[in-house]
């Protein structure tokens, strides 16, 4: 059990990460790739990606075993990193003493290849090879699916924001799923080991992760910036070849997006809405809304998450781009004041 201890000040400093953390996605996906559970969600992706992985993947798997401890230096605090390159640069700048400490701890629970000793010594060439492996893995395993990763994380973030607005911080914490229980002032999380995390006024970042499975995780070192990485709901069949190819035109899903009702529904999902809210706004039946949302979702224009028996829909980046193009065409949202 992981027990996260809050002070009153911490409850005012809980925030949801603004987007995906690519190093957490790499870490969690490498671990998920070595597991066999979660077949319904990750089975197609595993079979798709395994024959495509570069040889350099062998540098990542030993550092990220499917169960148990993995080094914290592989997921440094984002610090505003906007690119994988800047995040990897931070990782490669890890002090030698920390490399030695964390890799020694890993060696205590799993057998490591001989090259890891060079990594622990901060060898420049070995660190460079690790950086190259991270970039190569992201290109082959994650980049083809990043549209779905981003869309589902955006939907999850919108849902967390709704929980926060409707019920405050406690509702935000309770809404993290069945593996999480809020027993004030402690958040209890199902965890393979007993661990306590004392926030001490530092607050907590909630980091949704597409490849985190099956339960939330955190850093082993409680002195590092506190973060709780948690699973999200996934769009069905996200890893199928048709889904990976992205939206189509003509007779495909995107070509069926003609008609005012679907246009109005897409507009409603710009800020997120439930099926019930959409039906009420457009004065159409729930089944009709669901049918139209299915088409929008198949075209990659919205993402849907479900909580407490309710579906919550949010426009994806592609959907928002389509809406922005319509705004430009109609003049909606333009400044009415003359430019200086």
C-alpha atoms as a PDB file:
ATOM      1  CA  UNK A   1       0.000   0.000   0.000  1.00  0.00           C
ATOM      2  CA  UNK A   2       1.202   3.502  -0.899  1.00  0.00           C
ATOM      3  CA  UNK A   3       0.082   6.105   1.634  1.00  0.00           C
ATOM      4  CA  UNK A   4       0.367   9.752   0.617  1.00  0.00           C
ATOM      5  CA  UNK A   5       0.109  12.076   3.619  1.00  0.00           C
ATOM      6  CA  UNK A   6      -1.425  15.514   3.026  1.00  0.00           C
ATOM      7  CA  UNK A   7      -1.297  18.677   5.076  1.00  0.00           C
ATOM      8  CA  UNK A   8      -4.006  21.339   4.648  1.00  0.00           C
ATOM      9  CA  UNK A   9      -1.501  23.278   2.531  1.00  0.00           C
ATOM     10  CA  UNK A  10      -0.954  20.263   0.250  1.00  0.00           C
ATOM     11  CA  UNK A  11      -4.669  20.114  -0.547  1.00  0.00           C
ATOM     12  CA  UNK A  12      -4.370  23.572  -2.093  1.00  0.00           C
ATOM     13  CA  UNK A  13      -1.336  22.502  -4.147  1.00  0.00           C
ATOM     14  CA  UNK A  14      -2.699  19.480  -5.992  1.00  0.00           C
ATOM     15  CA  UNK A  15      -2.552  19.975  -9.729  1.00  0.00           C
ATOM     16  CA  UNK A  16      -3.130  17.920 -12.855  1.00  0.00           C
ATOM     17  CA  UNK A  17      -0.194  17.793 -15.292  1.00  0.00           C
ATOM     18  CA  UNK A  18      -0.869  19.837 -18.442  1.00  0.00           C
ATOM     19  CA  UNK A  19      -0.124  16.952 -20.822  1.00  0.00           C
ATOM     20  CA  UNK A  20       1.722  13.684 -21.348  1.00  0.00           C
ATOM     21  CA  UNK A  21       5.201  13.230 -19.914  1.00  0.00           C
ATOM     22  CA  UNK A  22       7.094  11.427 -22.659  1.00  0.00           C
ATOM     23  CA  UNK A  23       9.678   9.860 -20.321  1.00  0.00           C
ATOM     24  CA  UNK A  24       6.944   8.426 -18.113  1.00  0.00           C
ATOM     25  CA  UNK A  25       5.249   7.086 -21.254  1.00  0.00           C
ATOM     26  CA  UNK A  26       8.517   5.484 -22.367  1.00  0.00           C
ATOM     27  CA  UNK A  27       9.117   4.005 -18.919  1.00  0.00           C
ATOM     28  CA  UNK A  28       5.596   2.683 -18.478  1.00  0.00           C
ATOM     29  CA  UNK A  29       5.365   1.328 -22.025  1.00  0.00           C
ATOM     30  CA  UNK A  30       8.684  -0.539 -21.802  1.00  0.00           C
ATOM     31  CA  UNK A  31       7.386  -2.188 -18.622  1.00  0.00           C
ATOM     32  CA  UNK A  32       3.963  -2.883 -20.129  1.00  0.00           C
ATOM     33  CA  UNK A  33       5.625  -4.376 -23.200  1.00  0.00           C
ATOM     34  CA  UNK A  34       7.271  -7.007 -20.988  1.00  0.00           C
ATOM     35  CA  UNK A  35       4.009  -7.955 -19.282  1.00  0.00           C
ATOM     36  CA  UNK A  36       1.144 -10.152 -20.442  1.00  0.00           C
ATOM     37  CA  UNK A  37      -1.774  -8.580 -18.555  1.00  0.00           C
ATOM     38  CA  UNK A  38      -3.931  -5.856 -20.027  1.00  0.00           C
ATOM     39  CA  UNK A  39      -4.401  -7.849 -23.229  1.00  0.00           C
ATOM     40  CA  UNK A  40      -7.636  -6.080 -24.126  1.00  0.00           C
ATOM     41  CA  UNK A  41      -5.997  -2.653 -24.001  1.00  0.00           C
ATOM     42  CA  UNK A  42      -2.398  -3.341 -25.049  1.00  0.00           C
ATOM     43  CA  UNK A  43      -2.429  -6.704 -26.850  1.00  0.00           C
ATOM     44  CA  UNK A  44      -2.678  -5.315 -30.382  1.00  0.00           C
ATOM     45  CA  UNK A  45      -0.005  -2.695 -29.655  1.00  0.00           C
ATOM     46  CA  UNK A  46       2.397  -5.290 -28.235  1.00  0.00           C
ATOM     47  CA  UNK A  47       2.081  -7.508 -31.306  1.00  0.00           C
ATOM     48  CA  UNK A  48       2.438  -4.498 -33.600  1.00  0.00           C
ATOM     49  CA  UNK A  49       5.464  -2.932 -31.942  1.00  0.00           C
ATOM     50  CA  UNK A  50       7.662  -5.903 -30.999  1.00  0.00           C
ATOM     51  CA  UNK A  51       8.977  -6.671 -34.507  1.00  0.00           C
ATOM     52  CA  UNK A  52       9.581  -2.952 -35.114  1.00  0.00           C
ATOM     53  CA  UNK A  53      11.695  -2.198 -32.055  1.00  0.00           C
ATOM     54  CA  UNK A  54      15.321  -1.191 -32.664  1.00  0.00           C
ATOM     55  CA  UNK A  55      18.174  -3.238 -31.242  1.00  0.00           C
ATOM     56  CA  UNK A  56      18.885  -0.426 -28.797  1.00  0.00           C
ATOM     57  CA  UNK A  57      15.767  -1.438 -26.874  1.00  0.00           C
ATOM     58  CA  UNK A  58      18.045  -3.928 -25.076  1.00  0.00           C
ATOM     59  CA  UNK A  59      19.453  -0.985 -23.126  1.00  0.00           C
ATOM     60  CA  UNK A  60      16.018  -0.061 -21.762  1.00  0.00           C
ATOM     61  CA  UNK A  61      14.479  -3.380 -20.731  1.00  0.00           C
ATOM     62  CA  UNK A  62      17.061  -4.261 -18.015  1.00  0.00           C
ATOM     63  CA  UNK A  63      16.634  -0.821 -16.457  1.00  0.00           C
ATOM     64  CA  UNK A  64      12.844  -1.078 -16.521  1.00  0.00           C
ATOM     65  CA  UNK A  65      11.787  -4.547 -15.333  1.00  0.00           C
ATOM     66  CA  UNK A  66       8.056  -5.325 -15.623  1.00  0.00           C
ATOM     67  CA  UNK A  67       7.641  -5.540 -11.844  1.00  0.00           C
ATOM     68  CA  UNK A  68       9.323  -3.978  -8.855  1.00  0.00           C
ATOM     69  CA  UNK A  69      11.779  -1.136  -8.562  1.00  0.00           C
ATOM     70  CA  UNK A  70      13.031   0.971 -11.462  1.00  0.00           C
ATOM     71  CA  UNK A  71      15.412   3.944 -11.148  1.00  0.00           C
ATOM     72  CA  UNK A  72      13.886   7.365 -10.555  1.00  0.00           C
ATOM     73  CA  UNK A  73      16.488   9.146 -12.700  1.00  0.00           C
ATOM     74  CA  UNK A  74      14.766   7.737 -15.815  1.00  0.00           C
ATOM     75  CA  UNK A  75      11.759   9.995 -15.132  1.00  0.00           C
ATOM     76  CA  UNK A  76      13.120  13.366 -13.959  1.00  0.00           C
ATOM     77  CA  UNK A  77      10.666  16.094 -13.022  1.00  0.00           C
ATOM     78  CA  UNK A  78       9.499  17.707 -16.253  1.00  0.00           C
ATOM     79  CA  UNK A  79      10.511  21.229 -15.236  1.00  0.00           C
ATOM     80  CA  UNK A  80       8.656  22.598 -18.243  1.00  0.00           C
ATOM     81  CA  UNK A  81      10.342  20.367 -20.825  1.00  0.00           C
ATOM     82  CA  UNK A  82       8.460  20.672 -24.102  1.00  0.00           C
ATOM     83  CA  UNK A  83      10.459  18.140 -26.110  1.00  0.00           C
ATOM     84  CA  UNK A  84      11.884  14.674 -25.659  1.00  0.00           C
ATOM     85  CA  UNK A  85      15.345  16.037 -26.407  1.00  0.00           C
ATOM     86  CA  UNK A  86      15.304  18.490 -23.504  1.00  0.00           C
ATOM     87  CA  UNK A  87      13.920  15.820 -21.165  1.00  0.00           C
ATOM     88  CA  UNK A  88      16.624  13.344 -22.208  1.00  0.00           C
ATOM     89  CA  UNK A  89      19.283  16.011 -21.757  1.00  0.00           C
ATOM     90  CA  UNK A  90      18.105  16.445 -18.163  1.00  0.00           C
ATOM     91  CA  UNK A  91      18.181  12.683 -17.636  1.00  0.00           C
ATOM     92  CA  UNK A  92      21.702  12.402 -19.011  1.00  0.00           C
ATOM     93  CA  UNK A  93      22.827  15.140 -16.635  1.00  0.00           C
ATOM     94  CA  UNK A  94      22.001  13.017 -13.565  1.00  0.00           C
ATOM     95  CA  UNK A  95      24.833  13.303 -10.976  1.00  0.00           C
ATOM     96  CA  UNK A  96      27.092  10.251 -10.772  1.00  0.00           C
ATOM     97  CA  UNK A  97      26.354   9.622  -7.117  1.00  0.00           C
ATOM     98  CA  UNK A  98      22.650   9.357  -7.836  1.00  0.00           C
ATOM     99  CA  UNK A  99      23.310   7.020 -10.779  1.00  0.00           C
ATOM    100  CA  UNK A 100      25.392   4.758  -8.522  1.00  0.00           C
ATOM    101  CA  UNK A 101      22.823   4.758  -5.711  1.00  0.00           C
ATOM    102  CA  UNK A 102      19.780   4.018  -7.835  1.00  0.00           C
ATOM    103  CA  UNK A 103      21.459   1.419 -10.058  1.00  0.00           C
ATOM    104  CA  UNK A 104      22.860  -0.339  -6.973  1.00  0.00           C
ATOM    105  CA  UNK A 105      19.329  -0.550  -5.618  1.00  0.00           C
ATOM    106  CA  UNK A 106      18.133  -1.981  -8.925  1.00  0.00           C
ATOM    107  CA  UNK A 107      20.965  -4.547  -8.876  1.00  0.00           C
ATOM    108  CA  UNK A 108      19.674  -5.731  -5.516  1.00  0.00           C
ATOM    109  CA  UNK A 109      16.409  -6.932  -7.057  1.00  0.00           C
ATOM    110  CA  UNK A 110      17.309  -7.969 -10.615  1.00  0.00           C
ATOM    111  CA  UNK A 111      20.275  -9.299 -12.547  1.00  0.00           C
ATOM    112  CA  UNK A 112      21.839  -6.579 -14.683  1.00  0.00           C
ATOM    113  CA  UNK A 113      24.112  -6.783 -17.749  1.00  0.00           C
ATOM    114  CA  UNK A 114      27.745  -5.795 -17.318  1.00  0.00           C
ATOM    115  CA  UNK A 115      27.420  -2.490 -19.225  1.00  0.00           C
ATOM    116  CA  UNK A 116      25.255  -1.071 -16.410  1.00  0.00           C
ATOM    117  CA  UNK A 117      28.404  -0.641 -14.295  1.00  0.00           C
ATOM    118  CA  UNK A 118      29.677   1.844 -16.888  1.00  0.00           C
ATOM    119  CA  UNK A 119      26.363   3.682 -16.706  1.00  0.00           C
ATOM    120  CA  UNK A 120      26.646   3.818 -12.910  1.00  0.00           C
ATOM    121  CA  UNK A 121      30.089   5.404 -13.309  1.00  0.00           C
ATOM    122  CA  UNK A 122      28.637   8.098 -15.552  1.00  0.00           C
ATOM    123  CA  UNK A 123      30.554   6.909 -18.619  1.00  0.00           C
ATOM    124  CA  UNK A 124      29.913   9.447 -21.383  1.00  0.00           C
ATOM    125  CA  UNK A 125      29.608   6.909 -24.205  1.00  0.00           C
ATOM    126  CA  UNK A 126      27.207   4.704 -22.247  1.00  0.00           C
ATOM    127  CA  UNK A 127      25.041   7.693 -21.355  1.00  0.00           C
ATOM    128  CA  UNK A 128      25.014   8.732 -25.016  1.00  0.00           C
ATOM    129  CA  UNK A 129      23.896   5.225 -26.028  1.00  0.00           C
ATOM    130  CA  UNK A 130      21.091   5.393 -23.456  1.00  0.00           C
ATOM    131  CA  UNK A 131      19.937   8.724 -24.880  1.00  0.00           C
ATOM    132  CA  UNK A 132      19.960   7.315 -28.408  1.00  0.00           C
ATOM    133  CA  UNK A 133      17.969   4.285 -27.230  1.00  0.00           C
ATOM    134  CA  UNK A 134      15.300   6.523 -25.688  1.00  0.00           C
ATOM    135  CA  UNK A 135      14.937   8.530 -28.898  1.00  0.00           C
ATOM    136  CA  UNK A 136      14.851   5.418 -31.100  1.00  0.00           C
ATOM    137  CA  UNK A 137      12.254   3.720 -28.903  1.00  0.00           C
ATOM    138  CA  UNK A 138      10.016   6.784 -28.889  1.00  0.00           C
ATOM    139  CA  UNK A 139      10.184   6.995 -32.684  1.00  0.00           C
ATOM    140  CA  UNK A 140       9.237   3.365 -33.282  1.00  0.00           C
ATOM    141  CA  UNK A 141       6.946   2.509 -30.355  1.00  0.00           C
ATOM    142  CA  UNK A 142       5.183   5.739 -29.377  1.00  0.00           C
ATOM    143  CA  UNK A 143       5.236   8.290 -32.203  1.00  0.00           C
ATOM    144  CA  UNK A 144       2.839   6.344 -34.489  1.00  0.00           C
ATOM    145  CA  UNK A 145       0.280   6.325 -31.657  1.00  0.00           C
ATOM    146  CA  UNK A 146       0.946   9.725 -30.139  1.00  0.00           C
ATOM    147  CA  UNK A 147      -2.288  11.186 -31.513  1.00  0.00           C
ATOM    148  CA  UNK A 148      -4.247   8.683 -29.433  1.00  0.00           C
ATOM    149  CA  UNK A 149      -2.008   9.145 -26.405  1.00  0.00           C
ATOM    150  CA  UNK A 150      -2.507  12.896 -26.473  1.00  0.00           C
ATOM    151  CA  UNK A 151      -6.253  12.714 -27.149  1.00  0.00           C
ATOM    152  CA  UNK A 152      -7.015  10.271 -24.337  1.00  0.00           C
ATOM    153  CA  UNK A 153      -4.850  12.215 -21.879  1.00  0.00           C
ATOM    154  CA  UNK A 154      -6.590  15.446 -22.818  1.00  0.00           C
ATOM    155  CA  UNK A 155      -9.945  13.782 -22.183  1.00  0.00           C
ATOM    156  CA  UNK A 156      -8.745  12.498 -18.817  1.00  0.00           C
ATOM    157  CA  UNK A 157      -7.458  15.937 -17.836  1.00  0.00           C
ATOM    158  CA  UNK A 158     -10.800  17.505 -18.746  1.00  0.00           C
ATOM    159  CA  UNK A 159     -12.546  14.904 -16.590  1.00  0.00           C
ATOM    160  CA  UNK A 160     -10.240  15.640 -13.636  1.00  0.00           C
ATOM    161  CA  UNK A 161     -10.940  19.342 -14.071  1.00  0.00           C
ATOM    162  CA  UNK A 162     -14.663  18.637 -13.988  1.00  0.00           C
ATOM    163  CA  UNK A 163     -14.266  16.657 -10.747  1.00  0.00           C
ATOM    164  CA  UNK A 164     -12.297  19.528  -9.233  1.00  0.00           C
ATOM    165  CA  UNK A 165     -14.894  22.116 -10.239  1.00  0.00           C
ATOM    166  CA  UNK A 166     -17.830  20.015  -9.030  1.00  0.00           C
ATOM    167  CA  UNK A 167     -16.440  18.709  -5.756  1.00  0.00           C
ATOM    168  CA  UNK A 168     -13.086  20.288  -4.978  1.00  0.00           C
ATOM    169  CA  UNK A 169      -9.751  18.600  -4.332  1.00  0.00           C
ATOM    170  CA  UNK A 170     -11.251  15.653  -2.469  1.00  0.00           C
ATOM    171  CA  UNK A 171     -13.495  14.813  -5.444  1.00  0.00           C
ATOM    172  CA  UNK A 172     -10.428  15.063  -7.687  1.00  0.00           C
ATOM    173  CA  UNK A 173      -8.567  12.529  -5.541  1.00  0.00           C
ATOM    174  CA  UNK A 174     -11.529  10.171  -5.127  1.00  0.00           C
ATOM    175  CA  UNK A 175     -12.079  10.169  -8.883  1.00  0.00           C
ATOM    176  CA  UNK A 176      -8.681   8.592  -9.601  1.00  0.00           C
ATOM    177  CA  UNK A 177     -10.191   5.102  -9.645  1.00  0.00           C
ATOM    178  CA  UNK A 178     -10.869   1.943  -7.697  1.00  0.00           C
ATOM    179  CA  UNK A 179      -7.198   1.565  -6.697  1.00  0.00           C
ATOM    180  CA  UNK A 180      -7.300   4.857  -4.794  1.00  0.00           C
ATOM    181  CA  UNK A 181      -9.066   5.613  -1.492  1.00  0.00           C
ATOM    182  CA  UNK A 182      -9.210   8.956   0.250  1.00  0.00           C
ATOM    183  CA  UNK A 183      -9.055   8.623   4.052  1.00  0.00           C
ATOM    184  CA  UNK A 184      -8.367  12.206   5.175  1.00  0.00           C
ATOM    185  CA  UNK A 185      -5.617  13.264   5.418  1.00  0.00           C
ATOM    186  CA  UNK A 186      -4.140  10.184   3.689  1.00  0.00           C
ATOM    187  CA  UNK A 187      -4.563   9.025   0.092  1.00  0.00           C
ATOM    188  CA  UNK A 188      -4.234   5.229  -0.016  1.00  0.00           C
ATOM    189  CA  UNK A 189      -3.156   3.658  -3.295  1.00  0.00           C
ATOM    190  CA  UNK A 190      -2.982  -0.057  -4.097  1.00  0.00           C
ATOM    191  CA  UNK A 191       0.738  -0.758  -4.395  1.00  0.00           C
ATOM    192  CA  UNK A 192       3.019  -3.800  -4.502  1.00  0.00           C
ATOM    193  CA  UNK A 193       5.081  -2.582  -1.514  1.00  0.00           C
ATOM    194  CA  UNK A 194       4.437  -0.535   1.614  1.00  0.00           C
ATOM    195  CA  UNK A 195       5.547   3.037   1.047  1.00  0.00           C
ATOM    196  CA  UNK A 196       4.779   6.359   2.712  1.00  0.00           C
ATOM    197  CA  UNK A 197       5.016   9.687   0.909  1.00  0.00           C
ATOM    198  CA  UNK A 198       4.941  12.735   3.178  1.00  0.00           C
ATOM    199  CA  UNK A 199       4.121  15.782   1.072  1.00  0.00           C
ATOM    200  CA  UNK A 200       5.013  18.318   3.745  1.00  0.00           C
ATOM    201  CA  UNK A 201       3.488  21.278   1.922  1.00  0.00           C
ATOM    202  CA  UNK A 202       5.074  20.501  -1.457  1.00  0.00           C
ATOM    203  CA  UNK A 203       1.755  19.570  -3.065  1.00  0.00           C
ATOM    204  CA  UNK A 204       1.211  16.737  -5.531  1.00  0.00           C
ATOM    205  CA  UNK A 205       1.223  16.510  -9.319  1.00  0.00           C
ATOM    206  CA  UNK A 206      -1.286  14.071 -10.798  1.00  0.00           C
ATOM    207  CA  UNK A 207       0.281  12.766 -14.011  1.00  0.00           C
ATOM    208  CA  UNK A 208      -2.099  10.777 -16.226  1.00  0.00           C
ATOM    209  CA  UNK A 209      -0.278   8.139 -18.264  1.00  0.00           C
ATOM    210  CA  UNK A 210      -1.497   6.240 -21.304  1.00  0.00           C
ATOM    211  CA  UNK A 211       0.796   3.249 -20.667  1.00  0.00           C
ATOM    212  CA  UNK A 212       0.637   3.166 -16.862  1.00  0.00           C
ATOM    213  CA  UNK A 213      -0.858  -0.228 -15.952  1.00  0.00           C
ATOM    214  CA  UNK A 214      -2.663  -1.544 -14.004  1.00  0.00           C
ATOM    215  CA  UNK A 215      -2.436   0.784 -10.966  1.00  0.00           C
ATOM    216  CA  UNK A 216      -0.905   4.168 -10.113  1.00  0.00           C
ATOM    217  CA  UNK A 217       2.799   4.516  -9.427  1.00  0.00           C
ATOM    218  CA  UNK A 218       5.182   7.075  -7.978  1.00  0.00           C
ATOM    219  CA  UNK A 219       8.873   7.739  -7.452  1.00  0.00           C
ATOM    220  CA  UNK A 220      10.729   5.611  -4.930  1.00  0.00           C
ATOM    221  CA  UNK A 221      12.599   8.570  -3.421  1.00  0.00           C
ATOM    222  CA  UNK A 222      10.208  10.611  -1.303  1.00  0.00           C
ATOM    223  CA  UNK A 223      12.551  13.603  -1.353  1.00  0.00           C
ATOM    224  CA  UNK A 224      11.995  14.128  -5.084  1.00  0.00           C
ATOM    225  CA  UNK A 225       9.134  16.365  -6.328  1.00  0.00           C
ATOM    226  CA  UNK A 226       5.956  14.410  -5.467  1.00  0.00           C
ATOM    227  CA  UNK A 227       4.064  12.909  -8.395  1.00  0.00           C
ATOM    228  CA  UNK A 228       1.356  10.266  -8.698  1.00  0.00           C
ATOM    229  CA  UNK A 229       1.249   8.687 -12.143  1.00  0.00           C
ATOM    230  CA  UNK A 230      -2.109   7.040 -12.804  1.00  0.00           C
ATOM    231  CA  UNK A 231      -3.783   5.001 -15.567  1.00  0.00           C
ATOM    232  CA  UNK A 232      -6.458   6.449 -17.808  1.00  0.00           C
ATOM    233  CA  UNK A 233      -9.314   5.087 -19.875  1.00  0.00           C
ATOM    234  CA  UNK A 234      -8.444   4.231 -23.465  1.00  0.00           C
ATOM    235  CA  UNK A 235     -10.364   4.709 -26.666  1.00  0.00           C
ATOM    236  CA  UNK A 236     -11.429   1.266 -27.881  1.00  0.00           C
ATOM    237  CA  UNK A 237      -9.265  -0.276 -30.628  1.00  0.00           C
ATOM    238  CA  UNK A 238      -6.760   2.583 -30.414  1.00  0.00           C
ATOM    239  CA  UNK A 239      -3.910   0.415 -31.712  1.00  0.00           C
ATOM    240  CA  UNK A 240      -5.635  -1.152 -34.701  1.00  0.00           C
ATOM    241  CA  UNK A 241      -4.077  -0.425 -38.128  1.00  0.00           C
ATOM    242  CA  UNK A 242      -7.037   1.738 -39.135  1.00  0.00           C
ATOM    243  CA  UNK A 243      -6.789   3.785 -35.943  1.00  0.00           C
ATOM    244  CA  UNK A 244      -3.035   4.228 -36.322  1.00  0.00           C
ATOM    245  CA  UNK A 245      -3.505   5.521 -39.859  1.00  0.00           C
ATOM    246  CA  UNK A 246      -5.477   8.477 -38.494  1.00  0.00           C
ATOM    247  CA  UNK A 247      -8.576  10.201 -39.877  1.00  0.00           C
ATOM    248  CA  UNK A 248      -9.554   9.453 -43.452  1.00  0.00           C
ATOM    249  CA  UNK A 249     -11.496  11.355 -46.067  1.00  0.00           C
ATOM    250  CA  UNK A 250     -13.996  10.609 -48.770  1.00  0.00           C
ATOM    251  CA  UNK A 251     -16.088   7.565 -47.864  1.00  0.00           C
ATOM    252  CA  UNK A 252     -14.273   7.006 -44.541  1.00  0.00           C
ATOM    253  CA  UNK A 253     -15.372   8.204 -41.079  1.00  0.00           C
ATOM    254  CA  UNK A 254     -14.382  11.819 -41.666  1.00  0.00           C
ATOM    255  CA  UNK A 255     -16.413  11.933 -44.873  1.00  0.00           C
ATOM    256  CA  UNK A 256     -19.538  11.141 -42.864  1.00  0.00           C
ATOM    257  CA  UNK A 257     -19.152  14.258 -40.743  1.00  0.00           C
ATOM    258  CA  UNK A 258     -21.624  16.203 -42.823  1.00  0.00           C
ATOM    259  CA  UNK A 259     -24.658  17.708 -41.192  1.00  0.00           C
ATOM    260  CA  UNK A 260     -25.414  20.429 -38.666  1.00  0.00           C
ATOM    261  CA  UNK A 261     -26.043  18.097 -35.731  1.00  0.00           C
ATOM    262  CA  UNK A 262     -22.538  16.625 -35.783  1.00  0.00           C
ATOM    263  CA  UNK A 263     -21.003  20.048 -36.313  1.00  0.00           C
ATOM    264  CA  UNK A 264     -22.894  21.336 -33.276  1.00  0.00           C
ATOM    265  CA  UNK A 265     -21.826  18.304 -31.239  1.00  0.00           C
ATOM    266  CA  UNK A 266     -18.189  18.826 -32.152  1.00  0.00           C
ATOM    267  CA  UNK A 267     -18.551  22.447 -31.080  1.00  0.00           C
ATOM    268  CA  UNK A 268     -20.030  21.309 -27.753  1.00  0.00           C
ATOM    269  CA  UNK A 269     -17.049  19.041 -27.084  1.00  0.00           C
ATOM    270  CA  UNK A 270     -14.570  21.896 -27.455  1.00  0.00           C
ATOM    271  CA  UNK A 271     -14.794  22.470 -23.705  1.00  0.00           C
ATOM    272  CA  UNK A 272     -15.963  18.954 -22.866  1.00  0.00           C
ATOM    273  CA  UNK A 273     -19.485  17.730 -22.251  1.00  0.00           C
ATOM    274  CA  UNK A 274     -21.364  14.621 -21.168  1.00  0.00           C
ATOM    275  CA  UNK A 275     -23.872  12.786 -23.368  1.00  0.00           C
ATOM    276  CA  UNK A 276     -26.691  14.138 -21.207  1.00  0.00           C
ATOM    277  CA  UNK A 277     -25.450  17.712 -21.494  1.00  0.00           C
ATOM    278  CA  UNK A 278     -25.086  17.417 -25.274  1.00  0.00           C
ATOM    279  CA  UNK A 279     -28.593  15.990 -25.637  1.00  0.00           C
ATOM    280  CA  UNK A 280     -30.010  18.826 -23.567  1.00  0.00           C
ATOM    281  CA  UNK A 281     -28.100  21.541 -25.466  1.00  0.00           C
ATOM    282  CA  UNK A 282     -29.060  20.238 -28.903  1.00  0.00           C
ATOM    283  CA  UNK A 283     -32.509  18.968 -27.898  1.00  0.00           C
ATOM    284  CA  UNK A 284     -31.930  15.519 -29.382  1.00  0.00           C
ATOM    285  CA  UNK A 285     -32.232  12.059 -27.845  1.00  0.00           C
ATOM    286  CA  UNK A 286     -29.436  10.332 -25.947  1.00  0.00           C
ATOM    287  CA  UNK A 287     -29.198   7.476 -28.504  1.00  0.00           C
ATOM    288  CA  UNK A 288     -28.866  10.014 -31.319  1.00  0.00           C
ATOM    289  CA  UNK A 289     -26.055  11.811 -29.480  1.00  0.00           C
ATOM    290  CA  UNK A 290     -24.268   8.508 -28.856  1.00  0.00           C
ATOM    291  CA  UNK A 291     -24.508   7.555 -32.520  1.00  0.00           C
ATOM    292  CA  UNK A 292     -23.108  10.873 -33.699  1.00  0.00           C
ATOM    293  CA  UNK A 293     -20.351  10.770 -31.074  1.00  0.00           C
ATOM    294  CA  UNK A 294     -19.342   7.324 -32.343  1.00  0.00           C
ATOM    295  CA  UNK A 295     -18.766   8.794 -35.808  1.00  0.00           C
ATOM    296  CA  UNK A 296     -16.814  11.757 -34.430  1.00  0.00           C
ATOM    297  CA  UNK A 297     -14.704   9.424 -32.327  1.00  0.00           C
ATOM    298  CA  UNK A 298     -14.026   7.057 -35.253  1.00  0.00           C
ATOM    299  CA  UNK A 299     -12.783  10.047 -37.234  1.00  0.00           C
ATOM    300  CA  UNK A 300     -10.341  10.951 -34.462  1.00  0.00           C
ATOM    301  CA  UNK A 301     -12.082  14.248 -33.693  1.00  0.00           C
ATOM    302  CA  UNK A 302     -13.209  13.509 -30.130  1.00  0.00           C
ATOM    303  CA  UNK A 303     -12.118  11.299 -27.267  1.00  0.00           C
ATOM    304  CA  UNK A 304     -14.461   9.754 -24.707  1.00  0.00           C
ATOM    305  CA  UNK A 305     -13.930   8.663 -21.115  1.00  0.00           C
ATOM    306  CA  UNK A 306     -16.506   7.022 -18.861  1.00  0.00           C
ATOM    307  CA  UNK A 307     -16.941   7.520 -15.157  1.00  0.00           C
ATOM    308  CA  UNK A 308     -19.769   6.576 -12.804  1.00  0.00           C
ATOM    309  CA  UNK A 309     -21.776   5.284 -15.744  1.00  0.00           C
ATOM    310  CA  UNK A 310     -21.526   8.581 -17.660  1.00  0.00           C
ATOM    311  CA  UNK A 311     -19.686   9.302 -20.893  1.00  0.00           C
ATOM    312  CA  UNK A 312     -17.641  12.513 -21.107  1.00  0.00           C
ATOM    313  CA  UNK A 313     -16.570  13.749 -24.555  1.00  0.00           C
ATOM    314  CA  UNK A 314     -13.752  16.137 -25.464  1.00  0.00           C
ATOM    315  CA  UNK A 315     -12.553  17.404 -28.831  1.00  0.00           C
ATOM    316  CA  UNK A 316      -9.085  16.136 -29.766  1.00  0.00           C
ATOM    317  CA  UNK A 317      -6.343  18.351 -31.201  1.00  0.00           C
ATOM    318  CA  UNK A 318      -7.598  17.411 -34.689  1.00  0.00           C
ATOM    319  CA  UNK A 319     -11.161  18.271 -33.696  1.00  0.00           C
ATOM    320  CA  UNK A 320     -10.125  21.618 -32.290  1.00  0.00           C
ATOM    321  CA  UNK A 321      -8.135  22.346 -35.434  1.00  0.00           C
ATOM    322  CA  UNK A 322     -11.250  21.709 -37.517  1.00  0.00           C
ATOM    323  CA  UNK A 323     -13.257  24.029 -35.266  1.00  0.00           C
ATOM    324  CA  UNK A 324     -10.544  26.683 -35.464  1.00  0.00           C
ATOM    325  CA  UNK A 325     -10.620  26.486 -39.256  1.00  0.00           C
ATOM    326  CA  UNK A 326     -14.386  27.003 -39.153  1.00  0.00           C
ATOM    327  CA  UNK A 327     -13.903  29.961 -36.813  1.00  0.00           C
ATOM    328  CA  UNK A 328     -11.497  31.538 -39.294  1.00  0.00           C
ATOM    329  CA  UNK A 329     -13.871  30.924 -42.182  1.00  0.00           C
ATOM    330  CA  UNK A 330     -16.854  32.495 -40.424  1.00  0.00           C
ATOM    331  CA  UNK A 331     -14.935  35.206 -38.592  1.00  0.00           C
ATOM    332  CA  UNK A 332     -16.032  33.824 -35.205  1.00  0.00           C
ATOM    333  CA  UNK A 333     -13.648  34.772 -32.393  1.00  0.00           C
ATOM    334  CA  UNK A 334     -11.876  37.558 -34.322  1.00  0.00           C
ATOM    335  CA  UNK A 335     -11.177  40.806 -32.554  1.00  0.00           C
ATOM    336  CA  UNK A 336     -13.773  43.467 -33.247  1.00  0.00           C
ATOM    337  CA  UNK A 337     -11.418  46.273 -32.198  1.00  0.00           C
ATOM    338  CA  UNK A 338      -9.040  47.651 -34.821  1.00  0.00           C
ATOM    339  CA  UNK A 339      -5.427  46.579 -34.435  1.00  0.00           C
ATOM    340  CA  UNK A 340      -3.002  49.254 -33.220  1.00  0.00           C
END
